[in-house]
Every structure is written in C-alpha cells, then in structure tokens.
C-alpha cells in the first residue's frame, strides 16, 4: 500500500497534477506559495478546491466561511472571485453572492460540440508543428496516464486526461485556440464528474492519437481526436437519457 502511494505521488508530481489537500492542507499550501498579492494566493487556493471537488458545482461560496477556513480577511476574496468568474468557474449573482458554476445537461453537450470542432485543430497543429520536445512531453504525459490507470485512481486519471488534451492545445501553435480550449475544459472537468468511458479505453484512444502525432499525420490526428470526443459525447447523451 505504501509503495503504491509513493508511486502515485511521484507520478502526479511528474505530471504536475494538483492533488486534493488533506484536512487543513489548503492553508499550508497557501503559506508555501510565494505570491506577492494575497488575493492571488486566495484565487489559487479556491481554484484548487474547485478543481479537486472540495467545492462542488452549485455550492454557495460564503465569504465568512471561506475567510475563516483560509485564515484571511474577506478583502482578498472579492478580487479572487472576480478572476474565478472570468474563468467561468464561479457565478456572481446579484444580491445572492457567489456560487460554483454548475452546468446543465444542454450546456455539457454544447461544450462537447465545441470541443469536437476545436480540438481536432489542435491535434492537426501538433502533427504539423510539434517539435521533438513537444512529442517527448506528450509521451511522458501518456505514460503517467497509463500508470494512473494501472493503479486505478479515477480522479487522477481524469486530471491526466485533462492535462493531455490541454497540452495538445498548447503545443498546436495556435495561442487563441489554446486559450479557448483551456477555459472550456477547466469548466468541463469540474462539472463532468468522471470519465465517460473506461479509463483503459480512453488511454488506448490517446495512444492511437499519439501514434498519429508522432507520424506527423495531420489528417489522421484530427480524425482520431474528433472520433474520440464524438464517442464521449455519445456516451454522455446516453447516460443522460438513462436518468429518470
């Protein structure tokens, strides 16, 4: 058990995945982060709490509770809330305060439609412009992905999936595309819950995509990415239709 935990921590560190803190750990993380602006510390801390599911979609963000929990005054929260709203992670409601953004079924499906249109562009961009270093980094991310699948850690597999997709967008050479995909996918991962397909299946699809990227096959890379996301959208739709 200890060996598995150590292995997991090394893998997560290698992939730069933020793990959920232990009880009270978020305050310790804030103290370790050397940001000149306290509001930036608060923003980072709240962002971690949202991404890791400590603050769930639809949850009201009570300033007094958060201030006590983080050991701060209320003043830095306003600036932090503003940044989180711009990232679409929270909503600021007139006279009702702030809450973690929650997507309904249509919004989730709409986000998939956007991803299906945009992410193949990122894949073809990497196939065309990706450097040896880019491809090496993607292979490392994919290796971390597989290792997390092997040790059966669904939450971190989901984050590894996000990291792999985001890395492709970042390496595509299209900065505007990267910003859009980054914004959408961060909201998406907070609301989706888990992967829509078996982790092993998702990994295998990513491995096939990696082959196309390594071969610099733009058309095939775009097609594989499109099929990968289209299948996930279909699975989401099917799961929603099963809900009474």
C-alpha atoms as a PDB file:
ATOM      1  CA  UNK A   1       0.000   0.000   0.000  1.00  0.00           C
ATOM      2  CA  UNK A   2       2.753   2.457   0.961  1.00  0.00           C
ATOM      3  CA  UNK A   3       4.613   1.616  -2.242  1.00  0.00           C
ATOM      4  CA  UNK A   4       1.530   2.359  -4.323  1.00  0.00           C
ATOM      5  CA  UNK A   5       1.019   5.677  -2.568  1.00  0.00           C
ATOM      6  CA  UNK A   6       4.640   6.707  -3.148  1.00  0.00           C
ATOM      7  CA  UNK A   7       4.389   5.676  -6.784  1.00  0.00           C
ATOM      8  CA  UNK A   8       1.209   7.661  -7.182  1.00  0.00           C
ATOM      9  CA  UNK A   9       2.727  10.783  -5.654  1.00  0.00           C
ATOM     10  CA  UNK A  10       5.771  10.572  -7.924  1.00  0.00           C
ATOM     11  CA  UNK A  11       3.562  10.162 -10.981  1.00  0.00           C
ATOM     12  CA  UNK A  12       1.329  13.047 -10.023  1.00  0.00           C
ATOM     13  CA  UNK A  13       4.331  15.275  -9.361  1.00  0.00           C
ATOM     14  CA  UNK A  14       5.860  14.329 -12.715  1.00  0.00           C
ATOM     15  CA  UNK A  15       2.659  15.336 -14.462  1.00  0.00           C
ATOM     16  CA  UNK A  16       2.261  18.454 -12.266  1.00  0.00           C
ATOM     17  CA  UNK A  17      -1.218  17.360 -11.217  1.00  0.00           C
ATOM     18  CA  UNK A  18      -2.595  19.141  -8.186  1.00  0.00           C
ATOM     19  CA  UNK A  19      -3.748  16.622  -5.624  1.00  0.00           C
ATOM     20  CA  UNK A  20      -6.520  17.254  -3.161  1.00  0.00           C
ATOM     21  CA  UNK A  21      -5.148  18.538   0.140  1.00  0.00           C
ATOM     22  CA  UNK A  22      -5.618  16.811   3.471  1.00  0.00           C
ATOM     23  CA  UNK A  23      -7.845  18.447   6.067  1.00  0.00           C
ATOM     24  CA  UNK A  24      -6.419  21.903   6.639  1.00  0.00           C
ATOM     25  CA  UNK A  25      -3.854  21.314   3.907  1.00  0.00           C
ATOM     26  CA  UNK A  26      -5.098  24.096   1.671  1.00  0.00           C
ATOM     27  CA  UNK A  27      -3.942  26.690   4.192  1.00  0.00           C
ATOM     28  CA  UNK A  28      -0.498  25.094   4.303  1.00  0.00           C
ATOM     29  CA  UNK A  29      -0.392  25.187   0.502  1.00  0.00           C
ATOM     30  CA  UNK A  30      -1.241  28.872   0.564  1.00  0.00           C
ATOM     31  CA  UNK A  31       1.567  29.550   3.005  1.00  0.00           C
ATOM     32  CA  UNK A  32       4.043  27.749   0.753  1.00  0.00           C
ATOM     33  CA  UNK A  33       3.038  29.664  -2.397  1.00  0.00           C
ATOM     34  CA  UNK A  34       5.074  32.832  -2.693  1.00  0.00           C
ATOM     35  CA  UNK A  35       2.725  35.236  -4.492  1.00  0.00           C
ATOM     36  CA  UNK A  36       3.174  38.959  -3.873  1.00  0.00           C
ATOM     37  CA  UNK A  37      -0.575  39.545  -3.804  1.00  0.00           C
ATOM     38  CA  UNK A  38      -2.682  37.825  -1.139  1.00  0.00           C
ATOM     39  CA  UNK A  39      -5.674  37.803  -3.493  1.00  0.00           C
ATOM     40  CA  UNK A  40      -3.595  35.684  -5.882  1.00  0.00           C
ATOM     41  CA  UNK A  41      -2.961  33.184  -3.102  1.00  0.00           C
ATOM     42  CA  UNK A  42      -6.671  33.069  -2.344  1.00  0.00           C
ATOM     43  CA  UNK A  43      -7.531  32.697  -6.031  1.00  0.00           C
ATOM     44  CA  UNK A  44      -5.106  29.784  -6.401  1.00  0.00           C
ATOM     45  CA  UNK A  45      -6.390  28.101  -3.257  1.00  0.00           C
ATOM     46  CA  UNK A  46     -10.056  28.387  -4.271  1.00  0.00           C
ATOM     47  CA  UNK A  47      -9.242  27.223  -7.787  1.00  0.00           C
ATOM     48  CA  UNK A  48      -7.613  24.078  -6.397  1.00  0.00           C
ATOM     49  CA  UNK A  49     -10.612  23.463  -4.142  1.00  0.00           C
ATOM     50  CA  UNK A  50     -12.987  23.728  -7.112  1.00  0.00           C
ATOM     51  CA  UNK A  51     -10.892  21.589  -9.449  1.00  0.00           C
ATOM     52  CA  UNK A  52     -10.434  18.899  -6.815  1.00  0.00           C
ATOM     53  CA  UNK A  53     -14.117  18.803  -5.886  1.00  0.00           C
ATOM     54  CA  UNK A  54     -13.834  20.258  -2.378  1.00  0.00           C
ATOM     55  CA  UNK A  55     -16.192  22.958  -3.603  1.00  0.00           C
ATOM     56  CA  UNK A  56     -18.804  21.297  -5.788  1.00  0.00           C
ATOM     57  CA  UNK A  57     -20.907  22.699  -8.671  1.00  0.00           C
ATOM     58  CA  UNK A  58     -23.822  24.720  -7.334  1.00  0.00           C
ATOM     59  CA  UNK A  59     -22.286  25.220  -3.887  1.00  0.00           C
ATOM     60  CA  UNK A  60     -22.716  28.698  -2.427  1.00  0.00           C
ATOM     61  CA  UNK A  61     -19.450  30.422  -1.553  1.00  0.00           C
ATOM     62  CA  UNK A  62     -19.951  32.092   1.816  1.00  0.00           C
ATOM     63  CA  UNK A  63     -17.305  34.730   2.356  1.00  0.00           C
ATOM     64  CA  UNK A  64     -17.247  34.457   6.140  1.00  0.00           C
ATOM     65  CA  UNK A  65     -16.863  30.673   5.996  1.00  0.00           C
ATOM     66  CA  UNK A  66     -14.122  30.818   3.364  1.00  0.00           C
ATOM     67  CA  UNK A  67     -12.291  33.611   5.177  1.00  0.00           C
ATOM     68  CA  UNK A  68     -12.231  31.559   8.371  1.00  0.00           C
ATOM     69  CA  UNK A  69     -11.268  28.394   6.525  1.00  0.00           C
ATOM     70  CA  UNK A  70      -8.370  30.057   4.706  1.00  0.00           C
ATOM     71  CA  UNK A  71      -7.283  32.192   7.645  1.00  0.00           C
ATOM     72  CA  UNK A  72      -7.738  35.518   5.859  1.00  0.00           C
ATOM     73  CA  UNK A  73      -9.961  38.590   5.901  1.00  0.00           C
ATOM     74  CA  UNK A  74     -12.790  39.000   3.398  1.00  0.00           C
ATOM     75  CA  UNK A  75     -10.973  41.687   1.406  1.00  0.00           C
ATOM     76  CA  UNK A  76      -8.882  39.401  -0.877  1.00  0.00           C
ATOM     77  CA  UNK A  77     -11.931  37.275  -1.701  1.00  0.00           C
ATOM     78  CA  UNK A  78     -13.516  39.891  -3.966  1.00  0.00           C
ATOM     79  CA  UNK A  79     -10.536  40.004  -6.332  1.00  0.00           C
ATOM     80  CA  UNK A  80     -10.224  36.218  -6.237  1.00  0.00           C
ATOM     81  CA  UNK A  81     -13.926  35.816  -7.042  1.00  0.00           C
ATOM     82  CA  UNK A  82     -13.559  38.183  -9.995  1.00  0.00           C
ATOM     83  CA  UNK A  83     -10.767  36.073 -11.508  1.00  0.00           C
ATOM     84  CA  UNK A  84     -12.660  32.838 -10.944  1.00  0.00           C
ATOM     85  CA  UNK A  85     -15.738  34.308 -12.620  1.00  0.00           C
ATOM     86  CA  UNK A  86     -13.671  35.210 -15.691  1.00  0.00           C
ATOM     87  CA  UNK A  87     -12.549  31.583 -15.854  1.00  0.00           C
ATOM     88  CA  UNK A  88     -16.224  30.557 -15.676  1.00  0.00           C
ATOM     89  CA  UNK A  89     -15.546  28.564 -12.523  1.00  0.00           C
ATOM     90  CA  UNK A  90     -17.986  30.541 -10.376  1.00  0.00           C
ATOM     91  CA  UNK A  91     -21.017  32.765 -10.850  1.00  0.00           C
ATOM     92  CA  UNK A  92     -21.514  36.121  -9.136  1.00  0.00           C
ATOM     93  CA  UNK A  93     -25.230  36.568  -8.575  1.00  0.00           C
ATOM     94  CA  UNK A  94     -26.730  39.992  -7.751  1.00  0.00           C
ATOM     95  CA  UNK A  95     -27.810  40.134  -4.099  1.00  0.00           C
ATOM     96  CA  UNK A  96     -27.198  36.389  -3.768  1.00  0.00           C
ATOM     97  CA  UNK A  97     -23.425  36.199  -3.615  1.00  0.00           C
ATOM     98  CA  UNK A  98     -21.210  33.691  -5.388  1.00  0.00           C
ATOM     99  CA  UNK A  99     -21.549  30.009  -6.160  1.00  0.00           C
ATOM    100  CA  UNK A 100     -19.548  27.387  -8.005  1.00  0.00           C
ATOM    101  CA  UNK A 101     -20.685  27.269 -11.612  1.00  0.00           C
ATOM    102  CA  UNK A 102     -22.946  24.342 -12.426  1.00  0.00           C
ATOM    103  CA  UNK A 103     -23.665  23.264 -15.998  1.00  0.00           C
ATOM    104  CA  UNK A 104     -26.940  21.686 -17.033  1.00  0.00           C
ATOM    105  CA  UNK A 105     -27.171  18.786 -19.492  1.00  0.00           C
ATOM    106  CA  UNK A 106     -27.526  21.002 -22.554  1.00  0.00           C
ATOM    107  CA  UNK A 107     -24.512  23.096 -21.586  1.00  0.00           C
ATOM    108  CA  UNK A 108     -22.377  19.970 -21.157  1.00  0.00           C
ATOM    109  CA  UNK A 109     -23.447  18.671 -24.566  1.00  0.00           C
ATOM    110  CA  UNK A 110     -22.850  22.097 -26.103  1.00  0.00           C
ATOM    111  CA  UNK A 111     -19.330  22.117 -24.655  1.00  0.00           C
ATOM    112  CA  UNK A 112     -18.707  18.745 -26.249  1.00  0.00           C
ATOM    113  CA  UNK A 113     -19.877  20.137 -29.590  1.00  0.00           C
ATOM    114  CA  UNK A 114     -17.355  22.957 -29.230  1.00  0.00           C
ATOM    115  CA  UNK A 115     -14.574  20.552 -28.267  1.00  0.00           C
ATOM    116  CA  UNK A 116     -15.371  18.302 -31.234  1.00  0.00           C
ATOM    117  CA  UNK A 117     -14.955  21.291 -33.569  1.00  0.00           C
ATOM    118  CA  UNK A 118     -11.881  22.827 -31.967  1.00  0.00           C
ATOM    119  CA  UNK A 119      -9.679  20.104 -30.506  1.00  0.00           C
ATOM    120  CA  UNK A 120      -9.056  18.346 -33.854  1.00  0.00           C
ATOM    121  CA  UNK A 121      -7.490  21.641 -34.967  1.00  0.00           C
ATOM    122  CA  UNK A 122      -5.122  21.378 -32.028  1.00  0.00           C
ATOM    123  CA  UNK A 123      -4.246  17.775 -32.892  1.00  0.00           C
ATOM    124  CA  UNK A 124      -3.528  18.607 -36.527  1.00  0.00           C
ATOM    125  CA  UNK A 125      -1.470  21.593 -35.359  1.00  0.00           C
ATOM    126  CA  UNK A 126       0.744  19.381 -33.203  1.00  0.00           C
ATOM    127  CA  UNK A 127       1.100  16.846 -36.019  1.00  0.00           C
ATOM    128  CA  UNK A 128       2.230  19.665 -38.292  1.00  0.00           C
ATOM    129  CA  UNK A 129       4.291  21.840 -35.960  1.00  0.00           C
ATOM    130  CA  UNK A 130       5.118  19.683 -32.947  1.00  0.00           C
ATOM    131  CA  UNK A 131       8.801  19.562 -32.046  1.00  0.00           C
ATOM    132  CA  UNK A 132      10.684  16.546 -30.727  1.00  0.00           C
ATOM    133  CA  UNK A 133      10.457  18.095 -27.282  1.00  0.00           C
ATOM    134  CA  UNK A 134       6.681  18.537 -27.643  1.00  0.00           C
ATOM    135  CA  UNK A 135       6.224  14.913 -28.651  1.00  0.00           C
ATOM    136  CA  UNK A 136       8.510  13.732 -25.859  1.00  0.00           C
ATOM    137  CA  UNK A 137       6.434  15.676 -23.330  1.00  0.00           C
ATOM    138  CA  UNK A 138       3.198  14.199 -24.677  1.00  0.00           C
ATOM    139  CA  UNK A 139       4.643  10.685 -24.436  1.00  0.00           C
ATOM    140  CA  UNK A 140       5.604  11.359 -20.825  1.00  0.00           C
ATOM    141  CA  UNK A 141       2.090  12.593 -20.047  1.00  0.00           C
ATOM    142  CA  UNK A 142       0.694   9.490 -21.717  1.00  0.00           C
ATOM    143  CA  UNK A 143       2.998   7.274 -19.631  1.00  0.00           C
ATOM    144  CA  UNK A 144       1.745   8.961 -16.473  1.00  0.00           C
ATOM    145  CA  UNK A 145      -1.812   8.459 -17.720  1.00  0.00           C
ATOM    146  CA  UNK A 146      -1.236   4.709 -18.163  1.00  0.00           C
ATOM    147  CA  UNK A 147       0.434   4.366 -14.772  1.00  0.00           C
ATOM    148  CA  UNK A 148      -2.537   6.052 -13.086  1.00  0.00           C
ATOM    149  CA  UNK A 149      -4.894   3.726 -14.959  1.00  0.00           C
ATOM    150  CA  UNK A 150      -2.846   0.749 -13.767  1.00  0.00           C
ATOM    151  CA  UNK A 151      -3.067   1.789 -10.109  1.00  0.00           C
ATOM    152  CA  UNK A 152      -6.794   2.511 -10.521  1.00  0.00           C
ATOM    153  CA  UNK A 153      -7.005   6.143  -9.461  1.00  0.00           C
ATOM    154  CA  UNK A 154     -10.089   7.525 -11.262  1.00  0.00           C
ATOM    155  CA  UNK A 155      -9.787  11.108 -10.025  1.00  0.00           C
ATOM    156  CA  UNK A 156      -6.171  11.470 -11.110  1.00  0.00           C
ATOM    157  CA  UNK A 157      -6.877   9.660 -14.388  1.00  0.00           C
ATOM    158  CA  UNK A 158      -9.472  12.325 -15.098  1.00  0.00           C
ATOM    159  CA  UNK A 159      -6.906  15.033 -14.391  1.00  0.00           C
ATOM    160  CA  UNK A 160      -4.304  13.245 -16.549  1.00  0.00           C
ATOM    161  CA  UNK A 161      -6.859  13.168 -19.350  1.00  0.00           C
ATOM    162  CA  UNK A 162      -7.362  16.909 -18.971  1.00  0.00           C
ATOM    163  CA  UNK A 163      -3.599  17.541 -18.913  1.00  0.00           C
ATOM    164  CA  UNK A 164      -3.044  15.534 -22.102  1.00  0.00           C
ATOM    165  CA  UNK A 165      -5.771  17.349 -24.036  1.00  0.00           C
ATOM    166  CA  UNK A 166      -4.636  20.738 -22.783  1.00  0.00           C
ATOM    167  CA  UNK A 167      -1.004  20.014 -23.670  1.00  0.00           C
ATOM    168  CA  UNK A 168      -2.030  19.241 -27.247  1.00  0.00           C
ATOM    169  CA  UNK A 169      -3.879  22.553 -27.478  1.00  0.00           C
ATOM    170  CA  UNK A 170      -0.895  24.403 -26.014  1.00  0.00           C
ATOM    171  CA  UNK A 171       1.552  22.783 -28.451  1.00  0.00           C
ATOM    172  CA  UNK A 172      -0.633  23.379 -31.505  1.00  0.00           C
ATOM    173  CA  UNK A 173       0.977  26.735 -32.250  1.00  0.00           C
ATOM    174  CA  UNK A 174      -2.412  28.465 -32.037  1.00  0.00           C
ATOM    175  CA  UNK A 175      -2.492  30.604 -28.887  1.00  0.00           C
ATOM    176  CA  UNK A 176      -6.126  31.658 -29.363  1.00  0.00           C
ATOM    177  CA  UNK A 177      -7.187  28.037 -29.709  1.00  0.00           C
ATOM    178  CA  UNK A 178      -5.291  27.148 -26.546  1.00  0.00           C
ATOM    179  CA  UNK A 179      -6.953  29.916 -24.512  1.00  0.00           C
ATOM    180  CA  UNK A 180     -10.428  28.876 -25.645  1.00  0.00           C
ATOM    181  CA  UNK A 181      -9.902  25.162 -25.036  1.00  0.00           C
ATOM    182  CA  UNK A 182      -8.262  25.850 -21.674  1.00  0.00           C
ATOM    183  CA  UNK A 183     -11.229  27.915 -20.497  1.00  0.00           C
ATOM    184  CA  UNK A 184     -13.844  25.429 -21.682  1.00  0.00           C
ATOM    185  CA  UNK A 185     -12.070  22.315 -20.455  1.00  0.00           C
ATOM    186  CA  UNK A 186     -11.485  23.665 -16.956  1.00  0.00           C
ATOM    187  CA  UNK A 187     -15.241  24.255 -16.535  1.00  0.00           C
ATOM    188  CA  UNK A 188     -15.907  20.902 -18.140  1.00  0.00           C
ATOM    189  CA  UNK A 189     -13.722  18.864 -15.790  1.00  0.00           C
ATOM    190  CA  UNK A 190     -15.355  20.471 -12.748  1.00  0.00           C
ATOM    191  CA  UNK A 191     -18.850  19.504 -13.902  1.00  0.00           C
ATOM    192  CA  UNK A 192     -18.419  16.199 -15.670  1.00  0.00           C
ATOM    193  CA  UNK A 193     -17.522  14.126 -12.633  1.00  0.00           C
ATOM    194  CA  UNK A 194     -15.607  11.141 -14.003  1.00  0.00           C
ATOM    195  CA  UNK A 195     -14.572   9.798 -17.378  1.00  0.00           C
ATOM    196  CA  UNK A 196     -17.453   8.739 -19.602  1.00  0.00           C
ATOM    197  CA  UNK A 197     -15.667   5.639 -20.844  1.00  0.00           C
ATOM    198  CA  UNK A 198     -13.461   3.030 -19.159  1.00  0.00           C
ATOM    199  CA  UNK A 199     -10.092   4.536 -18.285  1.00  0.00           C
ATOM    200  CA  UNK A 200      -8.256   1.829 -20.223  1.00  0.00           C
ATOM    201  CA  UNK A 201     -10.319   2.566 -23.332  1.00  0.00           C
ATOM    202  CA  UNK A 202      -9.629   6.268 -23.052  1.00  0.00           C
ATOM    203  CA  UNK A 203      -5.906   5.601 -22.631  1.00  0.00           C
ATOM    204  CA  UNK A 204      -5.842   3.324 -25.682  1.00  0.00           C
ATOM    205  CA  UNK A 205      -7.538   6.007 -27.783  1.00  0.00           C
ATOM    206  CA  UNK A 206      -4.953   8.531 -26.624  1.00  0.00           C
ATOM    207  CA  UNK A 207      -2.175   6.076 -27.516  1.00  0.00           C
ATOM    208  CA  UNK A 208      -3.525   5.765 -31.070  1.00  0.00           C
ATOM    209  CA  UNK A 209      -3.676   9.554 -31.274  1.00  0.00           C
ATOM    210  CA  UNK A 210      -0.069   9.726 -30.065  1.00  0.00           C
ATOM    211  CA  UNK A 211       0.977   7.466 -32.941  1.00  0.00           C
ATOM    212  CA  UNK A 212      -0.618   9.834 -35.458  1.00  0.00           C
ATOM    213  CA  UNK A 213       1.010  12.856 -33.834  1.00  0.00           C
ATOM    214  CA  UNK A 214       4.414  11.158 -33.875  1.00  0.00           C
ATOM    215  CA  UNK A 215       3.950  10.307 -37.560  1.00  0.00           C
ATOM    216  CA  UNK A 216       3.085  13.971 -38.259  1.00  0.00           C
ATOM    217  CA  UNK A 217      -0.136  12.802 -39.919  1.00  0.00           C
ATOM    218  CA  UNK A 218      -2.332  15.893 -39.618  1.00  0.00           C
ATOM    219  CA  UNK A 219      -5.473  14.419 -41.174  1.00  0.00           C
ATOM    220  CA  UNK A 220      -5.374  11.214 -39.138  1.00  0.00           C
ATOM    221  CA  UNK A 221      -4.615  13.046 -35.893  1.00  0.00           C
ATOM    222  CA  UNK A 222      -7.588  15.370 -36.394  1.00  0.00           C
ATOM    223  CA  UNK A 223      -9.860  12.451 -37.285  1.00  0.00           C
ATOM    224  CA  UNK A 224      -8.829  10.408 -34.238  1.00  0.00           C
ATOM    225  CA  UNK A 225      -9.386  13.365 -31.914  1.00  0.00           C
ATOM    226  CA  UNK A 226     -12.815  14.000 -33.448  1.00  0.00           C
ATOM    227  CA  UNK A 227     -13.833  10.340 -33.104  1.00  0.00           C
ATOM    228  CA  UNK A 228     -12.531  10.232 -29.514  1.00  0.00           C
ATOM    229  CA  UNK A 229     -14.618  13.220 -28.432  1.00  0.00           C
ATOM    230  CA  UNK A 230     -17.670  12.272 -30.503  1.00  0.00           C
ATOM    231  CA  UNK A 231     -17.779   8.891 -28.767  1.00  0.00           C
ATOM    232  CA  UNK A 232     -17.520  10.589 -25.363  1.00  0.00           C
ATOM    233  CA  UNK A 233     -20.381  12.925 -26.272  1.00  0.00           C
ATOM    234  CA  UNK A 234     -22.492   9.956 -27.319  1.00  0.00           C
ATOM    235  CA  UNK A 235     -21.780   8.241 -24.007  1.00  0.00           C
ATOM    236  CA  UNK A 236     -22.747  11.400 -22.122  1.00  0.00           C
ATOM    237  CA  UNK A 237     -26.000  11.683 -24.055  1.00  0.00           C
ATOM    238  CA  UNK A 238     -26.778   8.018 -23.402  1.00  0.00           C
ATOM    239  CA  UNK A 239     -26.128   8.412 -19.677  1.00  0.00           C
ATOM    240  CA  UNK A 240     -28.370  11.477 -19.524  1.00  0.00           C
ATOM    241  CA  UNK A 241     -31.184   9.632 -21.290  1.00  0.00           C
ATOM    242  CA  UNK A 242     -30.950   6.834 -18.739  1.00  0.00           C
ATOM    243  CA  UNK A 243     -31.623   9.249 -15.872  1.00  0.00           C
ATOM    244  CA  UNK A 244     -35.353   9.087 -14.966  1.00  0.00           C
END
